[in-house]
N, C-alpha and C. Protein backbone atom coordinates (compact mmCIF):
# COMPACT_ATOMS: atom_id res chain seq x y z
N UNK A 1 -60.86 -22.37 -21.61
CA UNK A 1 -61.35 -21.00 -21.52
C UNK A 1 -61.31 -20.35 -22.90
N UNK A 2 -62.35 -19.61 -23.18
CA UNK A 2 -62.39 -18.92 -24.47
C UNK A 2 -61.75 -17.54 -24.35
N UNK A 3 -61.47 -16.97 -25.50
CA UNK A 3 -60.88 -15.63 -25.51
C UNK A 3 -61.81 -14.60 -24.88
N UNK A 4 -63.13 -14.75 -25.10
CA UNK A 4 -64.07 -13.78 -24.53
C UNK A 4 -64.13 -13.89 -23.01
N UNK A 5 -63.95 -15.09 -22.48
CA UNK A 5 -63.93 -15.26 -21.02
C UNK A 5 -62.69 -14.60 -20.43
N UNK A 6 -61.57 -14.81 -21.07
CA UNK A 6 -60.32 -14.18 -20.60
C UNK A 6 -60.45 -12.66 -20.67
N UNK A 7 -61.01 -12.15 -21.76
CA UNK A 7 -61.20 -10.71 -21.90
C UNK A 7 -62.13 -10.18 -20.81
N UNK A 8 -63.16 -10.93 -20.48
CA UNK A 8 -64.08 -10.52 -19.41
C UNK A 8 -63.36 -10.46 -18.07
N UNK A 9 -62.50 -11.43 -17.81
CA UNK A 9 -61.76 -11.47 -16.54
C UNK A 9 -60.78 -10.31 -16.43
N UNK A 10 -60.28 -9.85 -17.56
CA UNK A 10 -59.35 -8.71 -17.55
C UNK A 10 -60.11 -7.39 -17.54
N UNK A 11 -61.11 -7.28 -18.42
CA UNK A 11 -61.85 -6.02 -18.54
C UNK A 11 -62.69 -5.71 -17.32
N UNK A 12 -63.29 -6.73 -16.71
CA UNK A 12 -64.16 -6.50 -15.55
C UNK A 12 -63.44 -5.77 -14.42
N UNK A 13 -62.36 -6.32 -13.91
CA UNK A 13 -61.64 -5.61 -12.84
C UNK A 13 -61.06 -4.27 -13.29
N UNK A 14 -60.58 -4.19 -14.54
CA UNK A 14 -60.01 -2.94 -15.03
C UNK A 14 -61.07 -1.84 -15.07
N UNK A 15 -62.23 -2.14 -15.65
CA UNK A 15 -63.28 -1.13 -15.72
C UNK A 15 -63.83 -0.80 -14.33
N UNK A 16 -63.88 -1.78 -13.45
CA UNK A 16 -64.29 -1.51 -12.07
C UNK A 16 -63.31 -0.58 -11.37
N UNK A 17 -62.02 -0.82 -11.56
CA UNK A 17 -60.99 0.03 -10.97
C UNK A 17 -61.08 1.45 -11.53
N UNK A 18 -61.28 1.58 -12.84
CA UNK A 18 -61.38 2.91 -13.43
C UNK A 18 -62.59 3.66 -12.88
N UNK A 19 -63.71 2.97 -12.72
CA UNK A 19 -64.90 3.60 -12.13
C UNK A 19 -64.58 4.11 -10.73
N UNK A 20 -63.91 3.28 -9.94
CA UNK A 20 -63.55 3.66 -8.58
C UNK A 20 -62.61 4.87 -8.57
N UNK A 21 -61.63 4.88 -9.48
CA UNK A 21 -60.70 6.01 -9.55
C UNK A 21 -61.42 7.30 -9.93
N UNK A 22 -62.37 7.21 -10.87
CA UNK A 22 -63.12 8.42 -11.25
C UNK A 22 -64.02 8.88 -10.12
N UNK A 23 -64.57 7.96 -9.34
CA UNK A 23 -65.37 8.35 -8.17
C UNK A 23 -64.47 9.05 -7.15
N UNK A 24 -63.25 8.55 -6.95
CA UNK A 24 -62.31 9.24 -6.06
C UNK A 24 -61.99 10.63 -6.59
N UNK A 25 -61.89 10.77 -7.93
CA UNK A 25 -61.64 12.10 -8.51
C UNK A 25 -62.80 13.04 -8.24
N UNK A 26 -64.01 12.52 -8.27
CA UNK A 26 -65.18 13.35 -7.94
C UNK A 26 -65.05 13.85 -6.51
N UNK A 27 -64.70 12.97 -5.60
CA UNK A 27 -64.54 13.36 -4.20
C UNK A 27 -63.39 14.36 -4.05
N UNK A 28 -62.31 14.16 -4.79
CA UNK A 28 -61.17 15.09 -4.69
C UNK A 28 -61.52 16.49 -5.19
N UNK A 29 -62.52 16.62 -6.07
CA UNK A 29 -62.91 17.96 -6.52
C UNK A 29 -63.52 18.76 -5.38
N UNK A 30 -63.96 18.09 -4.33
CA UNK A 30 -64.51 18.79 -3.16
C UNK A 30 -63.40 19.36 -2.29
N UNK A 31 -62.18 18.91 -2.52
CA UNK A 31 -61.02 19.36 -1.73
C UNK A 31 -59.96 19.96 -2.65
N UNK A 32 -60.17 21.20 -3.08
CA UNK A 32 -59.22 21.80 -4.03
C UNK A 32 -57.82 21.98 -3.45
N UNK A 33 -57.69 21.95 -2.12
CA UNK A 33 -56.37 22.11 -1.51
C UNK A 33 -55.54 20.83 -1.61
N UNK A 34 -56.13 19.71 -2.02
CA UNK A 34 -55.39 18.45 -2.14
C UNK A 34 -54.39 18.57 -3.29
N UNK A 35 -53.14 18.26 -3.01
CA UNK A 35 -52.07 18.32 -4.02
C UNK A 35 -52.05 17.00 -4.79
N UNK A 36 -52.47 17.05 -6.04
CA UNK A 36 -52.57 15.85 -6.86
C UNK A 36 -51.22 15.30 -7.29
N UNK A 37 -50.16 16.00 -6.97
CA UNK A 37 -48.82 15.52 -7.32
C UNK A 37 -48.14 14.78 -6.18
N UNK A 38 -48.83 14.64 -5.05
CA UNK A 38 -48.24 13.95 -3.89
C UNK A 38 -49.09 12.74 -3.53
N UNK A 39 -48.41 11.74 -2.93
CA UNK A 39 -49.11 10.55 -2.46
C UNK A 39 -50.14 10.92 -1.41
N UNK A 40 -51.24 10.30 -1.30
CA UNK A 40 -51.81 9.21 -2.10
C UNK A 40 -52.62 9.72 -3.28
N UNK A 41 -52.76 11.05 -3.38
CA UNK A 41 -53.63 11.62 -4.41
C UNK A 41 -53.14 11.37 -5.82
N UNK A 42 -51.81 11.29 -6.00
CA UNK A 42 -51.28 11.07 -7.35
C UNK A 42 -51.62 9.66 -7.87
N UNK A 43 -51.89 8.71 -6.98
CA UNK A 43 -52.31 7.38 -7.42
C UNK A 43 -53.67 7.41 -8.10
N UNK A 44 -54.46 8.41 -7.76
CA UNK A 44 -55.76 8.60 -8.39
C UNK A 44 -55.63 9.52 -9.61
N UNK A 45 -54.77 10.54 -9.51
CA UNK A 45 -54.68 11.55 -10.56
C UNK A 45 -53.97 11.05 -11.81
N UNK A 46 -52.87 10.33 -11.65
CA UNK A 46 -52.07 9.93 -12.82
C UNK A 46 -52.85 9.08 -13.82
N UNK A 47 -53.59 8.04 -13.41
CA UNK A 47 -54.29 7.25 -14.44
C UNK A 47 -55.54 7.94 -15.00
N UNK A 48 -56.09 8.92 -14.29
CA UNK A 48 -57.33 9.53 -14.75
C UNK A 48 -57.14 10.84 -15.50
N UNK A 49 -56.11 11.58 -15.18
CA UNK A 49 -55.92 12.91 -15.78
C UNK A 49 -55.84 12.90 -17.30
N UNK A 50 -55.12 11.94 -17.93
CA UNK A 50 -55.08 11.96 -19.40
C UNK A 50 -56.45 11.79 -20.05
N UNK A 51 -57.38 11.15 -19.37
CA UNK A 51 -58.73 10.99 -19.91
C UNK A 51 -59.59 12.21 -19.62
N UNK A 52 -59.31 12.90 -18.52
CA UNK A 52 -60.12 14.05 -18.14
C UNK A 52 -59.81 15.30 -18.96
N UNK A 53 -58.57 15.45 -19.39
CA UNK A 53 -58.15 16.67 -20.10
C UNK A 53 -58.98 16.91 -21.37
N UNK A 54 -59.13 15.91 -22.26
CA UNK A 54 -59.93 16.19 -23.47
C UNK A 54 -61.40 16.50 -23.17
N UNK A 55 -61.95 15.89 -22.14
CA UNK A 55 -63.35 16.16 -21.79
C UNK A 55 -63.49 17.58 -21.26
N UNK A 56 -62.50 18.03 -20.50
CA UNK A 56 -62.53 19.41 -20.00
C UNK A 56 -62.47 20.42 -21.13
N UNK A 57 -61.79 20.08 -22.22
CA UNK A 57 -61.73 20.98 -23.37
C UNK A 57 -63.09 21.07 -24.06
N UNK A 58 -63.81 19.95 -24.11
CA UNK A 58 -65.15 19.94 -24.71
C UNK A 58 -66.19 20.57 -23.80
N UNK A 59 -66.12 20.22 -22.51
CA UNK A 59 -67.09 20.72 -21.54
C UNK A 59 -66.32 21.35 -20.39
N UNK A 60 -66.12 22.67 -20.44
CA UNK A 60 -65.37 23.32 -19.37
C UNK A 60 -66.15 23.27 -18.06
N UNK A 61 -65.46 23.48 -16.94
CA UNK A 61 -66.14 23.48 -15.64
C UNK A 61 -67.34 24.44 -15.64
N UNK A 62 -68.44 23.97 -15.09
CA UNK A 62 -69.68 24.74 -15.06
C UNK A 62 -69.81 25.35 -13.66
N UNK A 63 -69.77 26.67 -13.60
CA UNK A 63 -69.85 27.35 -12.31
C UNK A 63 -68.73 26.97 -11.37
N UNK A 64 -67.56 26.67 -11.93
CA UNK A 64 -66.41 26.27 -11.13
C UNK A 64 -66.41 24.80 -10.74
N UNK A 65 -67.40 24.05 -11.21
CA UNK A 65 -67.49 22.63 -10.88
C UNK A 65 -67.06 21.81 -12.10
N UNK A 66 -66.06 20.97 -11.89
CA UNK A 66 -65.54 20.11 -12.95
C UNK A 66 -66.40 18.84 -13.04
N UNK A 67 -67.14 18.70 -14.13
CA UNK A 67 -68.02 17.53 -14.25
C UNK A 67 -67.41 16.42 -15.11
N UNK A 68 -66.16 16.61 -15.55
CA UNK A 68 -65.54 15.60 -16.40
C UNK A 68 -65.41 14.23 -15.72
N UNK A 69 -65.11 14.13 -14.41
CA UNK A 69 -65.07 12.79 -13.81
C UNK A 69 -66.44 12.11 -13.79
N UNK A 70 -67.50 12.91 -13.65
CA UNK A 70 -68.85 12.35 -13.67
C UNK A 70 -69.17 11.78 -15.04
N UNK A 71 -68.75 12.49 -16.07
CA UNK A 71 -68.96 12.00 -17.44
C UNK A 71 -68.23 10.68 -17.64
N UNK A 72 -66.99 10.59 -17.14
CA UNK A 72 -66.22 9.36 -17.31
C UNK A 72 -66.79 8.19 -16.50
N UNK A 73 -67.38 8.46 -15.35
CA UNK A 73 -68.04 7.37 -14.61
C UNK A 73 -69.16 6.80 -15.47
N UNK A 74 -69.91 7.68 -16.13
CA UNK A 74 -70.98 7.23 -17.02
C UNK A 74 -70.46 6.45 -18.20
N UNK A 75 -69.38 6.92 -18.82
CA UNK A 75 -68.81 6.25 -19.98
C UNK A 75 -68.28 4.86 -19.60
N UNK A 76 -67.53 4.79 -18.51
CA UNK A 76 -66.95 3.50 -18.09
C UNK A 76 -68.05 2.53 -17.67
N UNK A 77 -69.08 3.03 -16.98
CA UNK A 77 -70.20 2.16 -16.58
C UNK A 77 -70.93 1.63 -17.81
N UNK A 78 -71.13 2.48 -18.79
CA UNK A 78 -71.79 2.04 -20.02
C UNK A 78 -70.94 1.00 -20.75
N UNK A 79 -69.64 1.24 -20.86
CA UNK A 79 -68.74 0.27 -21.49
C UNK A 79 -68.77 -1.07 -20.78
N UNK A 80 -68.75 -1.02 -19.46
CA UNK A 80 -68.77 -2.26 -18.68
C UNK A 80 -70.05 -3.04 -18.93
N UNK A 81 -71.17 -2.34 -18.97
CA UNK A 81 -72.46 -3.00 -19.19
C UNK A 81 -72.56 -3.56 -20.61
N UNK A 82 -72.11 -2.79 -21.59
CA UNK A 82 -72.20 -3.23 -22.99
C UNK A 82 -71.26 -4.41 -23.26
N UNK A 83 -70.09 -4.41 -22.65
CA UNK A 83 -69.12 -5.46 -22.92
C UNK A 83 -69.29 -6.70 -22.05
N UNK A 84 -69.45 -6.51 -20.74
CA UNK A 84 -69.44 -7.68 -19.86
C UNK A 84 -70.66 -7.76 -18.96
N UNK A 85 -71.66 -6.94 -19.20
CA UNK A 85 -72.89 -7.00 -18.41
C UNK A 85 -73.65 -8.29 -18.69
N UNK A 86 -74.81 -8.41 -18.09
CA UNK A 86 -75.61 -9.63 -18.22
C UNK A 86 -75.95 -9.94 -19.68
N UNK A 87 -76.21 -8.91 -20.46
CA UNK A 87 -76.47 -9.10 -21.89
C UNK A 87 -75.33 -8.55 -22.74
N UNK A 88 -74.13 -8.50 -22.17
CA UNK A 88 -72.97 -7.89 -22.83
C UNK A 88 -72.45 -8.68 -24.00
N UNK A 89 -71.72 -7.99 -24.84
CA UNK A 89 -71.19 -8.60 -26.06
C UNK A 89 -70.26 -9.78 -25.78
N UNK A 90 -69.39 -9.63 -24.78
CA UNK A 90 -68.46 -10.71 -24.49
C UNK A 90 -69.17 -11.92 -23.87
N UNK A 91 -70.27 -11.69 -23.17
CA UNK A 91 -71.04 -12.82 -22.63
C UNK A 91 -71.73 -13.58 -23.75
N UNK A 92 -72.20 -12.84 -24.76
CA UNK A 92 -72.88 -13.50 -25.88
C UNK A 92 -71.91 -14.32 -26.72
N UNK A 93 -70.66 -13.84 -26.80
CA UNK A 93 -69.65 -14.57 -27.58
C UNK A 93 -69.17 -15.82 -26.86
N UNK A 94 -69.14 -15.77 -25.53
CA UNK A 94 -68.56 -16.85 -24.73
C UNK A 94 -69.45 -17.95 -24.41
């Protein structure tokens, strides 16, 4: 196995999980009464919140709607495609 194959096996599931967590964060924005400090919501909030905070500073909520998780879904999807997609960098190296 090459290093790029190992990296693909690690990055693929990680980026997929992050996409899923950000999608859950989008759904959680529909339920403002959900306490993000209690189970099971904190399992979604803890890994995503450090990434959402800087985006919220750049792009504050628009009309009370927090779009930072949507931005991160786009960023993670783009990273996944560029790195391990069909024409991704790690596929070309491997």
